[in-house]
Amino acid sequence: LSTCGSHLAVVGIFYGTALAGYLKPQAKTFTDQEKIVAVFYG
């Protein structure tokens, strides 16, 4: 499990924010909340 822990942590952080940013209904304007999500994965 120790060899997988680091990779799982990275996967959770990256995919959590990326999925929140790209796989959701798009509004007509870009919101401040979306900017914060972009800061997290970027």
PDB file of all heavy atoms in Angstrom:
ATOM      1  N   LEU A   1       0.822  -1.214   0.000  1.00  0.00           N
ATOM      2  CA  LEU A   1       0.000   0.000   0.000  1.00  0.00           C
ATOM      3  C   LEU A   1       0.855   1.263   0.000  1.00  0.00           C
ATOM      4  O   LEU A   1       0.429   2.295  -0.525  1.00  0.00           O
ATOM      5  CB  LEU A   1      -0.927  -0.008   1.213  1.00  0.00           C
ATOM      6  CG  LEU A   1      -2.053  -1.055   1.196  1.00  0.00           C
ATOM      7  CD1 LEU A   1      -2.833  -1.022   2.495  1.00  0.00           C
ATOM      8  CD2 LEU A   1      -2.987  -0.820   0.009  1.00  0.00           C
ATOM      9  N   SER A   2       2.054   1.197   0.598  1.00  0.00           N
ATOM     10  CA  SER A   2       2.907   2.392   0.658  1.00  0.00           C
ATOM     11  C   SER A   2       3.331   2.850  -0.729  1.00  0.00           C
ATOM     12  O   SER A   2       3.557   4.045  -0.952  1.00  0.00           O
ATOM     13  CB  SER A   2       4.148   2.104   1.514  1.00  0.00           C
ATOM     14  OG  SER A   2       4.972   1.124   0.895  1.00  0.00           O
ATOM     15  N   THR A   3       3.455   1.909  -1.670  1.00  0.00           N
ATOM     16  CA  THR A   3       3.861   2.285  -3.021  1.00  0.00           C
ATOM     17  C   THR A   3       2.709   2.933  -3.797  1.00  0.00           C
ATOM     18  O   THR A   3       2.934   3.543  -4.838  1.00  0.00           O
ATOM     19  CB  THR A   3       4.342   1.051  -3.807  1.00  0.00           C
ATOM     20  OG1 THR A   3       3.260   0.124  -3.947  1.00  0.00           O
ATOM     21  CG2 THR A   3       5.484   0.374  -3.093  1.00  0.00           C
ATOM     22  N   CYS A   4       1.483   2.793  -3.282  1.00  0.00           N
ATOM     23  CA  CYS A   4       0.315   3.333  -3.980  1.00  0.00           C
ATOM     24  C   CYS A   4      -0.230   4.601  -3.340  1.00  0.00           C
ATOM     25  O   CYS A   4      -0.985   5.343  -3.976  1.00  0.00           O
ATOM     26  CB  CYS A   4      -0.803   2.289  -4.019  1.00  0.00           C
ATOM     27  SG  CYS A   4      -0.361   0.735  -4.785  1.00  0.00           S
ATOM     28  N   GLY A   5       0.131   4.830  -2.058  1.00  0.00           N
ATOM     29  CA  GLY A   5      -0.448   5.949  -1.332  1.00  0.00           C
ATOM     30  C   GLY A   5      -0.196   7.291  -1.982  1.00  0.00           C
ATOM     31  O   GLY A   5      -1.116   8.117  -2.122  1.00  0.00           O
ATOM     32  N   SER A   6       1.046   7.540  -2.386  1.00  0.00           N
ATOM     33  CA  SER A   6       1.388   8.828  -3.000  1.00  0.00           C
ATOM     34  C   SER A   6       0.629   9.029  -4.305  1.00  0.00           C
ATOM     35  O   SER A   6       0.088  10.118  -4.569  1.00  0.00           O
ATOM     36  CB  SER A   6       2.896   8.902  -3.255  1.00  0.00           C
ATOM     37  OG  SER A   6       3.616   8.783  -2.053  1.00  0.00           O
ATOM     38  N   HIS A   7       0.580   7.989  -5.117  1.00  0.00           N
ATOM     39  CA  HIS A   7      -0.111   8.096  -6.403  1.00  0.00           C
ATOM     40  C   HIS A   7      -1.597   8.333  -6.203  1.00  0.00           C
ATOM     41  O   HIS A   7      -2.209   9.152  -6.900  1.00  0.00           O
ATOM     42  CB  HIS A   7       0.117   6.828  -7.222  1.00  0.00           C
ATOM     43  CG  HIS A   7      -0.505   6.874  -8.583  1.00  0.00           C
ATOM     44  ND1 HIS A   7      -1.628   6.149  -8.907  1.00  0.00           N
ATOM     45  CD2 HIS A   7      -0.180   7.575  -9.695  1.00  0.00           C
ATOM     46  CE1 HIS A   7      -1.955   6.394 -10.156  1.00  0.00           C
ATOM     47  NE2 HIS A   7      -1.090   7.241 -10.658  1.00  0.00           N
ATOM     48  N   LEU A   8      -2.211   7.649  -5.245  1.00  0.00           N
ATOM     49  CA  LEU A   8      -3.636   7.841  -4.973  1.00  0.00           C
ATOM     50  C   LEU A   8      -3.929   9.259  -4.503  1.00  0.00           C
ATOM     51  O   LEU A   8      -4.955   9.850  -4.875  1.00  0.00           O
ATOM     52  CB  LEU A   8      -4.108   6.827  -3.927  1.00  0.00           C
ATOM     53  CG  LEU A   8      -4.497   5.441  -4.438  1.00  0.00           C
ATOM     54  CD1 LEU A   8      -4.833   4.533  -3.267  1.00  0.00           C
ATOM     55  CD2 LEU A   8      -5.680   5.535  -5.396  1.00  0.00           C
ATOM     56  N   ALA A   9      -3.039   9.818  -3.686  1.00  0.00           N
ATOM     57  CA  ALA A   9      -3.229  11.195  -3.219  1.00  0.00           C
ATOM     58  C   ALA A   9      -3.196  12.172  -4.383  1.00  0.00           C
ATOM     59  O   ALA A   9      -4.030  13.088  -4.482  1.00  0.00           O
ATOM     60  CB  ALA A   9      -2.152  11.539  -2.188  1.00  0.00           C
ATOM     61  N   VAL A  10      -2.246  11.996  -5.290  1.00  0.00           N
ATOM     62  CA  VAL A  10      -2.130  12.870  -6.456  1.00  0.00           C
ATOM     63  C   VAL A  10      -3.361  12.727  -7.361  1.00  0.00           C
ATOM     64  O   VAL A  10      -3.921  13.722  -7.845  1.00  0.00           O
ATOM     65  CB  VAL A  10      -0.843  12.555  -7.239  1.00  0.00           C
ATOM     66  CG1 VAL A  10      -0.830  13.292  -8.575  1.00  0.00           C
ATOM     67  CG2 VAL A  10       0.374  12.925  -6.409  1.00  0.00           C
ATOM     68  N   VAL A  11      -3.793  11.483  -7.581  1.00  0.00           N
ATOM     69  CA  VAL A  11      -4.970  11.232  -8.421  1.00  0.00           C
ATOM     70  C   VAL A  11      -6.198  11.905  -7.824  1.00  0.00           C
ATOM     71  O   VAL A  11      -6.988  12.554  -8.535  1.00  0.00           O
ATOM     72  CB  VAL A  11      -5.208   9.716  -8.576  1.00  0.00           C
ATOM     73  CG1 VAL A  11      -6.586   9.452  -9.180  1.00  0.00           C
ATOM     74  CG2 VAL A  11      -4.134   9.102  -9.449  1.00  0.00           C
ATOM     75  N   GLY A  12      -6.382  11.778  -6.511  1.00  0.00           N
ATOM     76  CA  GLY A  12      -7.551  12.364  -5.872  1.00  0.00           C
ATOM     77  C   GLY A  12      -7.597  13.873  -6.014  1.00  0.00           C
ATOM     78  O   GLY A  12      -8.648  14.446  -6.327  1.00  0.00           O
ATOM     79  N   ILE A  13      -6.472  14.533  -5.800  1.00  0.00           N
ATOM     80  CA  ILE A  13      -6.425  15.995  -5.887  1.00  0.00           C
ATOM     81  C   ILE A  13      -6.621  16.459  -7.329  1.00  0.00           C
ATOM     82  O   ILE A  13      -7.423  17.363  -7.610  1.00  0.00           O
ATOM     83  CB  ILE A  13      -5.095  16.531  -5.333  1.00  0.00           C
ATOM     84  CG1 ILE A  13      -4.966  16.201  -3.839  1.00  0.00           C
ATOM     85  CG2 ILE A  13      -4.986  18.032  -5.539  1.00  0.00           C
ATOM     86  CD1 ILE A  13      -3.602  16.497  -3.267  1.00  0.00           C
ATOM     87  N   PHE A  14      -5.889  15.833  -8.259  1.00  0.00           N
ATOM     88  CA  PHE A  14      -5.942  16.285  -9.651  1.00  0.00           C
ATOM     89  C   PHE A  14      -7.306  16.033 -10.278  1.00  0.00           C
ATOM     90  O   PHE A  14      -7.931  16.939 -10.834  1.00  0.00           O
ATOM     91  CB  PHE A  14      -4.849  15.587 -10.466  1.00  0.00           C
ATOM     92  CG  PHE A  14      -4.863  15.965 -11.921  1.00  0.00           C
ATOM     93  CD1 PHE A  14      -4.299  17.166 -12.348  1.00  0.00           C
ATOM     94  CD2 PHE A  14      -5.447  15.140 -12.869  1.00  0.00           C
ATOM     95  CE1 PHE A  14      -4.317  17.519 -13.684  1.00  0.00           C
ATOM     96  CE2 PHE A  14      -5.470  15.487 -14.212  1.00  0.00           C
ATOM     97  CZ  PHE A  14      -4.906  16.688 -14.613  1.00  0.00           C
ATOM     98  N   TYR A  15      -7.787  14.798 -10.196  1.00  0.00           N
ATOM     99  CA  TYR A  15      -9.041  14.469 -10.850  1.00  0.00           C
ATOM    100  C   TYR A  15     -10.231  15.115 -10.159  1.00  0.00           C
ATOM    101  O   TYR A  15     -11.228  15.456 -10.808  1.00  0.00           O
ATOM    102  CB  TYR A  15      -9.227  12.950 -10.907  1.00  0.00           C
ATOM    103  CG  TYR A  15      -8.584  12.316 -12.108  1.00  0.00           C
ATOM    104  CD1 TYR A  15      -7.342  11.707 -12.015  1.00  0.00           C
ATOM    105  CD2 TYR A  15      -9.200  12.347 -13.347  1.00  0.00           C
ATOM    106  CE1 TYR A  15      -6.738  11.134 -13.115  1.00  0.00           C
ATOM    107  CE2 TYR A  15      -8.602  11.774 -14.458  1.00  0.00           C
ATOM    108  CZ  TYR A  15      -7.377  11.170 -14.337  1.00  0.00           C
ATOM    109  OH  TYR A  15      -6.779  10.619 -15.439  1.00  0.00           O
ATOM    110  N   GLY A  16     -10.153  15.299  -8.841  1.00  0.00           N
ATOM    111  CA  GLY A  16     -11.252  15.947  -8.137  1.00  0.00           C
ATOM    112  C   GLY A  16     -11.514  17.349  -8.650  1.00  0.00           C
ATOM    113  O   GLY A  16     -12.660  17.731  -8.925  1.00  0.00           O
ATOM    114  N   THR A  17     -10.432  18.132  -8.820  1.00  0.00           N
ATOM    115  CA  THR A  17     -10.588  19.503  -9.298  1.00  0.00           C
ATOM    116  C   THR A  17     -10.838  19.559 -10.807  1.00  0.00           C
ATOM    117  O   THR A  17     -11.614  20.382 -11.283  1.00  0.00           O
ATOM    118  CB  THR A  17      -9.345  20.330  -8.948  1.00  0.00           C
ATOM    119  OG1 THR A  17      -8.175  19.643  -9.441  1.00  0.00           O
ATOM    120  CG2 THR A  17      -9.211  20.505  -7.461  1.00  0.00           C
ATOM    121  N   ALA A  18     -10.178  18.685 -11.568  1.00  0.00           N
ATOM    122  CA  ALA A  18     -10.352  18.695 -13.022  1.00  0.00           C
ATOM    123  C   ALA A  18     -11.771  18.292 -13.413  1.00  0.00           C
ATOM    124  O   ALA A  18     -12.388  18.916 -14.300  1.00  0.00           O
ATOM    125  CB  ALA A  18      -9.342  17.766 -13.684  1.00  0.00           C
ATOM    126  N   LEU A  19     -12.314  17.269 -12.771  1.00  0.00           N
ATOM    127  CA  LEU A  19     -13.682  16.851 -13.067  1.00  0.00           C
ATOM    128  C   LEU A  19     -14.677  17.935 -12.680  1.00  0.00           C
ATOM    129  O   LEU A  19     -15.677  18.164 -13.382  1.00  0.00           O
ATOM    130  CB  LEU A  19     -14.004  15.549 -12.324  1.00  0.00           C
ATOM    131  CG  LEU A  19     -13.286  14.289 -12.819  1.00  0.00           C
ATOM    132  CD1 LEU A  19     -13.541  13.119 -11.873  1.00  0.00           C
ATOM    133  CD2 LEU A  19     -13.753  13.925 -14.230  1.00  0.00           C
ATOM    134  N   ALA A  20     -14.405  18.615 -11.568  1.00  0.00           N
ATOM    135  CA  ALA A  20     -15.283  19.705 -11.150  1.00  0.00           C
ATOM    136  C   ALA A  20     -15.248  20.864 -12.141  1.00  0.00           C
ATOM    137  O   ALA A  20     -16.241  21.570 -12.321  1.00  0.00           O
ATOM    138  CB  ALA A  20     -14.875  20.198  -9.758  1.00  0.00           C
ATOM    139  N   GLY A  21     -14.112  21.053 -12.804  1.00  0.00           N
ATOM    140  CA  GLY A  21     -13.984  22.169 -13.731  1.00  0.00           C
ATOM    141  C   GLY A  21     -14.513  21.909 -15.127  1.00  0.00           C
ATOM    142  O   GLY A  21     -14.987  22.825 -15.799  1.00  0.00           O
ATOM    143  N   TYR A  22     -14.445  20.649 -15.591  1.00  0.00           N
ATOM    144  CA  TYR A  22     -14.759  20.375 -16.992  1.00  0.00           C
ATOM    145  C   TYR A  22     -16.014  19.553 -17.213  1.00  0.00           C
ATOM    146  O   TYR A  22     -16.673  19.708 -18.243  1.00  0.00           O
ATOM    147  CB  TYR A  22     -13.562  19.671 -17.657  1.00  0.00           C
ATOM    148  CG  TYR A  22     -12.447  20.616 -18.003  1.00  0.00           C
ATOM    149  CD1 TYR A  22     -11.431  20.895 -17.091  1.00  0.00           C
ATOM    150  CD2 TYR A  22     -12.410  21.270 -19.231  1.00  0.00           C
ATOM    151  CE1 TYR A  22     -10.422  21.776 -17.389  1.00  0.00           C
ATOM    152  CE2 TYR A  22     -11.393  22.151 -19.548  1.00  0.00           C
ATOM    153  CZ  TYR A  22     -10.397  22.402 -18.622  1.00  0.00           C
ATOM    154  OH  TYR A  22      -9.390  23.279 -18.918  1.00  0.00           O
ATOM    155  N   LEU A  23     -16.384  18.685 -16.290  1.00  0.00           N
ATOM    156  CA  LEU A  23     -17.565  17.839 -16.509  1.00  0.00           C
ATOM    157  C   LEU A  23     -18.747  18.365 -15.711  1.00  0.00           C
ATOM    158  O   LEU A  23     -19.245  17.733 -14.789  1.00  0.00           O
ATOM    159  CB  LEU A  23     -17.259  16.393 -16.125  1.00  0.00           C
ATOM    160  CG  LEU A  23     -16.284  15.656 -17.040  1.00  0.00           C
ATOM    161  CD1 LEU A  23     -16.084  14.227 -16.567  1.00  0.00           C
ATOM    162  CD2 LEU A  23     -16.779  15.662 -18.481  1.00  0.00           C
ATOM    163  N   LYS A  24     -19.186  19.558 -16.061  1.00  0.00           N
ATOM    164  CA  LYS A  24     -20.363  20.154 -15.442  1.00  0.00           C
ATOM    165  C   LYS A  24     -21.024  21.080 -16.457  1.00  0.00           C
ATOM    166  O   LYS A  24     -20.384  21.538 -17.414  1.00  0.00           O
ATOM    167  CB  LYS A  24     -19.984  20.934 -14.182  1.00  0.00           C
ATOM    168  CG  LYS A  24     -19.100  22.139 -14.439  1.00  0.00           C
ATOM    169  CD  LYS A  24     -18.797  22.860 -13.150  1.00  0.00           C
ATOM    170  CE  LYS A  24     -17.979  24.122 -13.415  1.00  0.00           C
ATOM    171  NZ  LYS A  24     -18.655  25.077 -14.294  1.00  0.00           N
ATOM    172  N   PRO A  25     -22.326  21.377 -16.282  1.00  0.00           N
ATOM    173  CA  PRO A  25     -23.004  22.279 -17.212  1.00  0.00           C
ATOM    174  C   PRO A  25     -22.333  23.642 -17.242  1.00  0.00           C
ATOM    175  O   PRO A  25     -22.012  24.213 -16.194  1.00  0.00           O
ATOM    176  CB  PRO A  25     -24.427  22.368 -16.645  1.00  0.00           C
ATOM    177  CG  PRO A  25     -24.584  21.137 -15.819  1.00  0.00           C
ATOM    178  CD  PRO A  25     -23.229  20.826 -15.273  1.00  0.00           C
ATOM    179  N   GLN A  26     -22.114  24.155 -18.441  1.00  0.00           N
ATOM    180  CA  GLN A  26     -21.423  25.425 -18.595  1.00  0.00           C
ATOM    181  C   GLN A  26     -22.405  26.592 -18.577  1.00  0.00           C
ATOM    182  O   GLN A  26     -23.404  26.599 -19.295  1.00  0.00           O
ATOM    183  CB  GLN A  26     -20.633  25.444 -19.916  1.00  0.00           C
ATOM    184  CG  GLN A  26     -19.521  24.411 -19.967  1.00  0.00           C
ATOM    185  CD  GLN A  26     -18.474  24.653 -18.904  1.00  0.00           C
ATOM    186  OE1 GLN A  26     -17.982  25.761 -18.737  1.00  0.00           O
ATOM    187  NE2 GLN A  26     -18.136  23.600 -18.172  1.00  0.00           N
ATOM    188  N   ALA A  27     -22.122  27.590 -17.735  1.00  0.00           N
ATOM    189  CA  ALA A  27     -22.944  28.792 -17.670  1.00  0.00           C
ATOM    190  C   ALA A  27     -22.502  29.765 -18.756  1.00  0.00           C
ATOM    191  O   ALA A  27     -21.509  29.555 -19.448  1.00  0.00           O
ATOM    192  CB  ALA A  27     -22.818  29.432 -16.293  1.00  0.00           C
ATOM    193  N   LYS A  28     -23.261  30.869 -18.901  1.00  0.00           N
ATOM    194  CA  LYS A  28     -22.941  31.847 -19.935  1.00  0.00           C
ATOM    195  C   LYS A  28     -21.718  32.680 -19.573  1.00  0.00           C
ATOM    196  O   LYS A  28     -21.075  33.245 -20.450  1.00  0.00           O
ATOM    197  CB  LYS A  28     -24.149  32.763 -20.172  1.00  0.00           C
ATOM    198  CG  LYS A  28     -25.342  32.047 -20.805  1.00  0.00           C
ATOM    199  CD  LYS A  28     -26.462  33.026 -21.090  1.00  0.00           C
ATOM    200  CE  LYS A  28     -27.645  32.315 -21.756  1.00  0.00           C
ATOM    201  NZ  LYS A  28     -28.766  33.253 -22.050  1.00  0.00           N
ATOM    202  N   THR A  29     -21.422  32.786 -18.295  1.00  0.00           N
ATOM    203  CA  THR A  29     -20.263  33.547 -17.850  1.00  0.00           C
ATOM    204  C   THR A  29     -19.381  32.672 -16.974  1.00  0.00           C
ATOM    205  O   THR A  29     -19.840  31.703 -16.365  1.00  0.00           O
ATOM    206  CB  THR A  29     -20.680  34.787 -17.044  1.00  0.00           C
ATOM    207  OG1 THR A  29     -21.451  34.371 -15.915  1.00  0.00           O
ATOM    208  CG2 THR A  29     -21.502  35.736 -17.909  1.00  0.00           C
ATOM    209  N   PHE A  30     -18.106  33.040 -16.915  1.00  0.00           N
ATOM    210  CA  PHE A  30     -17.147  32.301 -16.096  1.00  0.00           C
ATOM    211  C   PHE A  30     -17.174  32.900 -14.699  1.00  0.00           C
ATOM    212  O   PHE A  30     -16.973  34.101 -14.512  1.00  0.00           O
ATOM    213  CB  PHE A  30     -15.749  32.409 -16.708  1.00  0.00           C
ATOM    214  CG  PHE A  30     -14.881  31.229 -16.415  1.00  0.00           C
ATOM    215  CD1 PHE A  30     -14.966  30.085 -17.188  1.00  0.00           C
ATOM    216  CD2 PHE A  30     -13.985  31.249 -15.361  1.00  0.00           C
ATOM    217  CE1 PHE A  30     -14.161  28.982 -16.930  1.00  0.00           C
ATOM    218  CE2 PHE A  30     -13.176  30.166 -15.103  1.00  0.00           C
ATOM    219  CZ  PHE A  30     -13.268  29.028 -15.885  1.00  0.00           C
ATOM    220  N   THR A  31     -17.408  32.083 -13.679  1.00  0.00           N
ATOM    221  CA  THR A  31     -17.597  32.569 -12.315  1.00  0.00           C
ATOM    222  C   THR A  31     -16.293  32.581 -11.537  1.00  0.00           C
ATOM    223  O   THR A  31     -15.308  31.955 -11.920  1.00  0.00           O
ATOM    224  CB  THR A  31     -18.630  31.696 -11.579  1.00  0.00           C
ATOM    225  OG1 THR A  31     -18.102  30.370 -11.447  1.00  0.00           O
ATOM    226  CG2 THR A  31     -19.943  31.647 -12.352  1.00  0.00           C
ATOM    227  N   ASP A  32     -16.325  33.299 -10.386  1.00  0.00           N
ATOM    228  CA  ASP A  32     -15.153  33.333  -9.520  1.00  0.00           C
ATOM    229  C   ASP A  32     -14.870  31.969  -8.914  1.00  0.00           C
ATOM    230  O   ASP A  32     -13.714  31.621  -8.651  1.00  0.00           O
ATOM    231  CB  ASP A  32     -15.359  34.371  -8.402  1.00  0.00           C
ATOM    232  CG  ASP A  32     -15.340  35.800  -8.935  1.00  0.00           C
ATOM    233  OD1 ASP A  32     -14.764  36.014 -10.021  1.00  0.00           O
ATOM    234  OD2 ASP A  32     -15.897  36.687  -8.258  1.00  0.00           O
ATOM    235  N   GLN A  33     -15.934  31.188  -8.665  1.00  0.00           N
ATOM    236  CA  GLN A  33     -15.737  29.841  -8.133  1.00  0.00           C
ATOM    237  C   GLN A  33     -14.962  28.972  -9.119  1.00  0.00           C
ATOM    238  O   GLN A  33     -14.104  28.160  -8.718  1.00  0.00           O
ATOM    239  CB  GLN A  33     -17.086  29.192  -7.819  1.00  0.00           C
ATOM    240  CG  GLN A  33     -17.820  29.779  -6.619  1.00  0.00           C
ATOM    241  CD  GLN A  33     -18.539  31.080  -6.937  1.00  0.00           C
ATOM    242  OE1 GLN A  33     -18.571  31.510  -8.092  1.00  0.00           O
ATOM    243  NE2 GLN A  33     -19.109  31.705  -5.918  1.00  0.00           N
ATOM    244  N   GLU A  34     -15.226  29.145 -10.404  1.00  0.00           N
ATOM    245  CA  GLU A  34     -14.507  28.381 -11.425  1.00  0.00           C
ATOM    246  C   GLU A  34     -13.047  28.804 -11.485  1.00  0.00           C
ATOM    247  O   GLU A  34     -12.161  27.988 -11.789  1.00  0.00           O
ATOM    248  CB  GLU A  34     -15.187  28.561 -12.782  1.00  0.00           C
ATOM    249  CG  GLU A  34     -16.536  27.855 -12.893  1.00  0.00           C
ATOM    250  CD  GLU A  34     -17.245  28.164 -14.187  1.00  0.00           C
ATOM    251  OE1 GLU A  34     -17.449  29.359 -14.479  1.00  0.00           O
ATOM    252  OE2 GLU A  34     -17.607  27.221 -14.912  1.00  0.00           O
ATOM    253  N   LYS A  35     -12.769  30.072 -11.197  1.00  0.00           N
ATOM    254  CA  LYS A  35     -11.383  30.529 -11.144  1.00  0.00           C
ATOM    255  C   LYS A  35     -10.633  29.829 -10.015  1.00  0.00           C
ATOM    256  O   LYS A  35      -9.473  29.418 -10.170  1.00  0.00           O
ATOM    257  CB  LYS A  35     -11.320  32.040 -10.928  1.00  0.00           C
ATOM    258  CG  LYS A  35     -11.828  32.883 -12.076  1.00  0.00           C
ATOM    259  CD  LYS A  35     -11.652  34.349 -11.722  1.00  0.00           C
ATOM    260  CE  LYS A  35     -12.367  35.262 -12.695  1.00  0.00           C
ATOM    261  NZ  LYS A  35     -12.247  36.685 -12.302  1.00  0.00           N
ATOM    262  N   ILE A  36     -11.287  29.689  -8.870  1.00  0.00           N
ATOM    263  CA  ILE A  36     -10.652  29.028  -7.726  1.00  0.00           C
ATOM    264  C   ILE A  36     -10.363  27.569  -8.048  1.00  0.00           C
ATOM    265  O   ILE A  36      -9.295  27.045  -7.723  1.00  0.00           O
ATOM    266  CB  ILE A  36     -11.561  29.150  -6.482  1.00  0.00           C
ATOM    267  CG1 ILE A  36     -11.687  30.620  -6.075  1.00  0.00           C
ATOM    268  CG2 ILE A  36     -10.992  28.323  -5.326  1.00  0.00           C
ATOM    269  CD1 ILE A  36     -12.665  30.873  -4.954  1.00  0.00           C
ATOM    270  N   VAL A  37     -11.316  26.895  -8.710  1.00  0.00           N
ATOM    271  CA  VAL A  37     -11.096  25.510  -9.127  1.00  0.00           C
ATOM    272  C   VAL A  37      -9.910  25.436 -10.076  1.00  0.00           C
ATOM    273  O   VAL A  37      -9.068  24.533  -9.983  1.00  0.00           O
ATOM    274  CB  VAL A  37     -12.356  24.929  -9.791  1.00  0.00           C
ATOM    275  CG1 VAL A  37     -12.069  23.562 -10.403  1.00  0.00           C
ATOM    276  CG2 VAL A  37     -13.491  24.806  -8.771  1.00  0.00           C
ATOM    277  N   ALA A  38      -9.810  26.416 -10.992  1.00  0.00           N
ATOM    278  CA  ALA A  38      -8.701  26.440 -11.947  1.00  0.00           C
ATOM    279  C   ALA A  38      -7.366  26.626 -11.236  1.00  0.00           C
ATOM    280  O   ALA A  38      -6.345  26.053 -11.653  1.00  0.00           O
ATOM    281  CB  ALA A  38      -8.914  27.558 -12.966  1.00  0.00           C
ATOM    282  N   VAL A  39      -7.345  27.410 -10.161  1.00  0.00           N
ATOM    283  CA  VAL A  39      -6.115  27.585  -9.387  1.00  0.00           C
ATOM    284  C   VAL A  39      -5.685  26.260  -8.765  1.00  0.00           C
ATOM    285  O   VAL A  39      -4.493  25.919  -8.746  1.00  0.00           O
ATOM    286  CB  VAL A  39      -6.308  28.659  -8.286  1.00  0.00           C
ATOM    287  CG1 VAL A  39      -5.132  28.641  -7.311  1.00  0.00           C
ATOM    288  CG2 VAL A  39      -6.442  30.032  -8.909  1.00  0.00           C
ATOM    289  N   PHE A  40      -6.658  25.485  -8.296  1.00  0.00           N
ATOM    290  CA  PHE A  40      -6.327  24.225  -7.640  1.00  0.00           C
ATOM    291  C   PHE A  40      -5.701  23.236  -8.615  1.00  0.00           C
ATOM    292  O   PHE A  40      -4.654  22.650  -8.322  1.00  0.00           O
ATOM    293  CB  PHE A  40      -7.579  23.617  -6.986  1.00  0.00           C
ATOM    294  CG  PHE A  40      -7.744  24.021  -5.551  1.00  0.00           C
ATOM    295  CD1 PHE A  40      -8.476  25.147  -5.214  1.00  0.00           C
ATOM    296  CD2 PHE A  40      -7.149  23.285  -4.540  1.00  0.00           C
ATOM    297  CE1 PHE A  40      -8.622  25.526  -3.887  1.00  0.00           C
ATOM    298  CE2 PHE A  40      -7.279  23.644  -3.218  1.00  0.00           C
ATOM    299  CZ  PHE A  40      -8.024  24.779  -2.887  1.00  0.00           C
ATOM    300  N   TYR A  41      -6.321  23.024  -9.791  1.00  0.00           N
ATOM    301  CA  TYR A  41      -5.732  22.024 -10.692  1.00  0.00           C
ATOM    302  C   TYR A  41      -4.600  22.601 -11.529  1.00  0.00           C
ATOM    303  O   TYR A  41      -3.813  21.850 -12.096  1.00  0.00           O
ATOM    304  CB  TYR A  41      -6.802  21.365 -11.574  1.00  0.00           C
ATOM    305  CG  TYR A  41      -7.453  22.212 -12.634  1.00  0.00           C
ATOM    306  CD1 TYR A  41      -6.774  22.584 -13.793  1.00  0.00           C
ATOM    307  CD2 TYR A  41      -8.781  22.620 -12.516  1.00  0.00           C
ATOM    308  CE1 TYR A  41      -7.380  23.350 -14.773  1.00  0.00           C
ATOM    309  CE2 TYR A  41      -9.395  23.374 -13.493  1.00  0.00           C
ATOM    310  CZ  TYR A  41      -8.692  23.742 -14.611  1.00  0.00           C
ATOM    311  OH  TYR A  41      -9.300  24.503 -15.579  1.00  0.00           O
ATOM    312  N   GLY A  42      -4.483  23.933 -11.609  1.00  0.00           N
ATOM    313  CA  GLY A  42      -3.432  24.520 -12.424  1.00  0.00           C
ATOM    314  C   GLY A  42      -2.204  24.973 -11.659  1.00  0.00           C
ATOM    315  O   GLY A  42      -1.120  25.094 -12.239  1.00  0.00           O
TER     316      GLY A  42
END
